Amino acid sequence: MTITRSIRTPIMHRAVEANGFVFVGGTIADDTSVSMGEQTRNILGKISGYLKQAGTDASRVVSASIFVTDLSKKKEMDAAWTEFFADDLPARATVGVADLGGGALIEVVVTALKG
């Protein structure tokens, strides 16, 4: 099996392709001072770009894990999420966490089929 790693950061690769899947590592917003909805929109835009670089797109996302620091803001995140994915909603889990660091309210990890 071939493993292709792309978009290297100091601690990981943003996207790793293996066995027909593209795994996108934990992604937070560039501006963590904005609302949960705005952070979600920024993250999904970044993930869309990572998927494009890996040769796939958001319509092929099959699974997502979402980590949020304030579950009372989940409806705001859900609105941005459904706006982005429309009818291509992946399976997902949303987990409340104590802290993501640097003011981040949300971090998202996705797995997509190679396009």
C-alpha atoms as a PDB file:
ATOM      1  CA  MET A   1       0.000   0.000   0.000  1.00  0.00           C
ATOM      2  CA  THR A   2       1.278   3.442  -0.911  1.00  0.00           C
ATOM      3  CA  ILE A   3       0.978   6.292   1.573  1.00  0.00           C
ATOM      4  CA  THR A   4       1.141   9.848   0.265  1.00  0.00           C
ATOM      5  CA  ARG A   5       1.685  12.677   2.736  1.00  0.00           C
ATOM      6  CA  SER A   6       1.125  16.304   1.777  1.00  0.00           C
ATOM      7  CA  ILE A   7       1.013  19.808   3.218  1.00  0.00           C
ATOM      8  CA  ARG A   8       3.669  19.360   5.886  1.00  0.00           C
ATOM      9  CA  THR A   9       3.605  21.418   9.072  1.00  0.00           C
ATOM     10  CA  PRO A  10       6.218  21.327  11.844  1.00  0.00           C
ATOM     11  CA  ILE A  11       4.273  18.564  13.635  1.00  0.00           C
ATOM     12  CA  MET A  12       2.229  16.687  11.002  1.00  0.00           C
ATOM     13  CA  HIS A  13       1.033  16.471   7.421  1.00  0.00           C
ATOM     14  CA  ARG A  14      -2.346  18.138   6.863  1.00  0.00           C
ATOM     15  CA  ALA A  15      -3.452  15.369   4.489  1.00  0.00           C
ATOM     16  CA  VAL A  16      -2.390  11.730   4.316  1.00  0.00           C
ATOM     17  CA  GLU A  17      -3.677   9.465   1.559  1.00  0.00           C
ATOM     18  CA  ALA A  18      -3.814   5.693   2.050  1.00  0.00           C
ATOM     19  CA  ASN A  19      -5.889   2.895   0.555  1.00  0.00           C
ATOM     20  CA  GLY A  20      -8.225   5.243  -1.331  1.00  0.00           C
ATOM     21  CA  PHE A  21      -8.887   7.546   1.609  1.00  0.00           C
ATOM     22  CA  VAL A  22      -7.620  11.033   2.440  1.00  0.00           C
ATOM     23  CA  PHE A  23      -7.238  11.766   6.155  1.00  0.00           C
ATOM     24  CA  VAL A  24      -7.166  15.448   7.093  1.00  0.00           C
ATOM     25  CA  GLY A  25      -5.637  16.192  10.490  1.00  0.00           C
ATOM     26  CA  GLY A  26      -7.066  18.465  13.146  1.00  0.00           C
ATOM     27  CA  THR A  27      -7.799  21.897  11.707  1.00  0.00           C
ATOM     28  CA  ILE A  28      -8.582  25.087  13.627  1.00  0.00           C
ATOM     29  CA  ALA A  29      -9.564  28.547  12.404  1.00  0.00           C
ATOM     30  CA  ASP A  30      -6.977  31.127  11.407  1.00  0.00           C
ATOM     31  CA  ASP A  31      -8.782  33.759  13.517  1.00  0.00           C
ATOM     32  CA  THR A  32      -9.831  32.295  16.857  1.00  0.00           C
ATOM     33  CA  SER A  33     -11.325  35.577  18.072  1.00  0.00           C
ATOM     34  CA  VAL A  34     -14.467  35.178  15.932  1.00  0.00           C
ATOM     35  CA  SER A  35     -17.693  33.298  16.705  1.00  0.00           C
ATOM     36  CA  MET A  36     -18.185  29.530  16.606  1.00  0.00           C
ATOM     37  CA  GLY A  37     -20.014  29.850  13.276  1.00  0.00           C
ATOM     38  CA  GLU A  38     -17.246  31.933  11.717  1.00  0.00           C
ATOM     39  CA  GLN A  39     -14.536  29.603  13.017  1.00  0.00           C
ATOM     40  CA  THR A  40     -16.460  26.658  11.545  1.00  0.00           C
ATOM     41  CA  ARG A  41     -16.766  28.380   8.143  1.00  0.00           C
ATOM     42  CA  ASN A  42     -13.042  29.177   8.126  1.00  0.00           C
ATOM     43  CA  ILE A  43     -12.094  25.619   9.063  1.00  0.00           C
ATOM     44  CA  LEU A  44     -14.338  24.086   6.406  1.00  0.00           C
ATOM     45  CA  GLY A  45     -12.845  26.412   3.788  1.00  0.00           C
ATOM     46  CA  LYS A  46      -9.350  25.334   4.811  1.00  0.00           C
ATOM     47  CA  ILE A  47     -10.330  21.661   4.731  1.00  0.00           C
ATOM     48  CA  SER A  48     -11.847  22.140   1.282  1.00  0.00           C
ATOM     49  CA  GLY A  49      -8.495  23.461   0.068  1.00  0.00           C
ATOM     50  CA  TYR A  50      -6.578  20.567   1.646  1.00  0.00           C
ATOM     51  CA  LEU A  51      -8.932  18.070   0.004  1.00  0.00           C
ATOM     52  CA  LYS A  52      -8.547  19.766  -3.371  1.00  0.00           C
ATOM     53  CA  GLN A  53      -4.752  19.545  -3.090  1.00  0.00           C
ATOM     54  CA  ALA A  54      -5.156  15.838  -2.330  1.00  0.00           C
ATOM     55  CA  GLY A  55      -7.334  15.278  -5.404  1.00  0.00           C
ATOM     56  CA  THR A  56     -10.781  15.072  -3.833  1.00  0.00           C
ATOM     57  CA  ASP A  57     -13.472  17.393  -2.469  1.00  0.00           C
ATOM     58  CA  ALA A  58     -15.927  17.956   0.367  1.00  0.00           C
ATOM     59  CA  SER A  59     -18.686  15.926  -1.330  1.00  0.00           C
ATOM     60  CA  ARG A  60     -16.535  12.839  -0.727  1.00  0.00           C
ATOM     61  CA  VAL A  61     -16.070  13.374   3.034  1.00  0.00           C
ATOM     62  CA  VAL A  62     -17.394  10.242   4.735  1.00  0.00           C
ATOM     63  CA  SER A  63     -16.546  10.895   8.380  1.00  0.00           C
ATOM     64  CA  ALA A  64     -15.791  13.802  10.701  1.00  0.00           C
ATOM     65  CA  SER A  65     -14.768  14.236  14.315  1.00  0.00           C
ATOM     66  CA  ILE A  66     -15.460  17.647  15.792  1.00  0.00           C
ATOM     67  CA  PHE A  67     -14.068  18.935  19.061  1.00  0.00           C
ATOM     68  CA  VAL A  68     -15.725  21.986  20.636  1.00  0.00           C
ATOM     69  CA  THR A  69     -15.020  23.873  23.839  1.00  0.00           C
ATOM     70  CA  ASP A  70     -18.609  25.078  24.363  1.00  0.00           C
ATOM     71  CA  LEU A  71     -21.446  22.709  23.465  1.00  0.00           C
ATOM     72  CA  SER A  72     -23.965  25.508  24.066  1.00  0.00           C
ATOM     73  CA  LYS A  73     -22.726  26.975  20.747  1.00  0.00           C
ATOM     74  CA  LYS A  74     -23.275  23.705  18.838  1.00  0.00           C
ATOM     75  CA  LYS A  75     -26.341  25.045  16.955  1.00  0.00           C
ATOM     76  CA  GLU A  76     -24.183  27.836  15.519  1.00  0.00           C
ATOM     77  CA  MET A  77     -21.629  25.258  14.380  1.00  0.00           C
ATOM     78  CA  ASP A  78     -24.367  23.009  12.981  1.00  0.00           C
ATOM     79  CA  ALA A  79     -25.763  25.860  10.868  1.00  0.00           C
ATOM     80  CA  ALA A  80     -22.372  26.542   9.253  1.00  0.00           C
ATOM     81  CA  TRP A  81     -21.803  22.789   8.857  1.00  0.00           C
ATOM     82  CA  THR A  82     -25.073  22.079   7.033  1.00  0.00           C
ATOM     83  CA  GLU A  83     -24.653  25.219   4.920  1.00  0.00           C
ATOM     84  CA  PHE A  84     -21.272  23.901   3.750  1.00  0.00           C
ATOM     85  CA  PHE A  85     -22.114  20.223   3.203  1.00  0.00           C
ATOM     86  CA  ALA A  86     -25.768  20.606   2.054  1.00  0.00           C
ATOM     87  CA  ASP A  87     -26.959  17.087   1.119  1.00  0.00           C
ATOM     88  CA  ASP A  88     -23.467  15.547   1.344  1.00  0.00           C
ATOM     89  CA  LEU A  89     -23.430  15.395   5.153  1.00  0.00           C
ATOM     90  CA  PRO A  90     -20.803  12.946   6.445  1.00  0.00           C
ATOM     91  CA  ALA A  91     -21.150  10.693   9.468  1.00  0.00           C
ATOM     92  CA  ARG A  92     -19.808  12.625  12.429  1.00  0.00           C
ATOM     93  CA  ALA A  93     -19.270  12.898  16.157  1.00  0.00           C
ATOM     94  CA  THR A  94     -19.096  16.103  18.171  1.00  0.00           C
ATOM     95  CA  VAL A  95     -17.153  15.957  21.426  1.00  0.00           C
ATOM     96  CA  GLY A  96     -16.975  18.585  24.148  1.00  0.00           C
ATOM     97  CA  VAL A  97     -13.428  19.317  25.333  1.00  0.00           C
ATOM     98  CA  ALA A  98     -12.034  21.592  28.033  1.00  0.00           C
ATOM     99  CA  ASP A  99      -9.563  23.555  25.900  1.00  0.00           C
ATOM    100  CA  LEU A 100      -8.131  23.581  22.378  1.00  0.00           C
ATOM    101  CA  GLY A 101      -5.577  26.311  23.056  1.00  0.00           C
ATOM    102  CA  GLY A 102      -5.186  29.799  21.650  1.00  0.00           C
ATOM    103  CA  GLY A 103      -8.863  30.698  21.887  1.00  0.00           C
ATOM    104  CA  ALA A 104      -9.967  28.031  19.403  1.00  0.00           C
ATOM    105  CA  LEU A 105     -13.597  27.057  19.907  1.00  0.00           C
ATOM    106  CA  ILE A 106     -13.580  24.160  17.440  1.00  0.00           C
ATOM    107  CA  GLU A 107     -11.200  21.690  15.785  1.00  0.00           C
ATOM    108  CA  VAL A 108     -12.256  19.383  12.938  1.00  0.00           C
ATOM    109  CA  VAL A 109     -10.783  16.124  11.600  1.00  0.00           C
ATOM    110  CA  VAL A 110     -12.214  14.542   8.405  1.00  0.00           C
ATOM    111  CA  THR A 111     -11.766  11.451   6.260  1.00  0.00           C
ATOM    112  CA  ALA A 112     -12.700  11.536   2.566  1.00  0.00           C
ATOM    113  CA  LEU A 113     -12.647   9.121  -0.329  1.00  0.00           C
ATOM    114  CA  LYS A 114     -10.081   9.943  -2.968  1.00  0.00           C
ATOM    115  CA  GLY A 115     -11.898  11.652  -5.845  1.00  0.00           C
END
